[in-house]
């Protein structure tokens, strides 16, 4: 005897709640509390950086990399930040003018972009 059991579709609200729970779990797994307050960051077109923000009072960048690591870059002038954000090649400018030119400190880990 071959019985086929009819599967009832789940209510959409149940699926949404399940999705919210799984996102929360992933977020808690990936999120390492930041050692300082996050500043507003803008998404950038880059192969290595997801978002970047600038704090003019502290002359510091906050850089979120695609792997979820969040760094503070100290001593960056407002002019350097503006040039970085307006450059035609973000990755090249970042490597040539930011990396190894300023002190960087890891301040946290976020959920990587694309998860």
Foldseek 3Di string as FASTA:
>chain_A
DDDDDDDDDDDPVVVVVVVVVVVVVLFVVFWDDFPDDDDDWDADPDPWWGTKDADQVQLWMWTQTQQFWIKIWGDHHPVLVVCLRPDPHNVVSCVVPGPPPTDMDTGIGGHGPPD
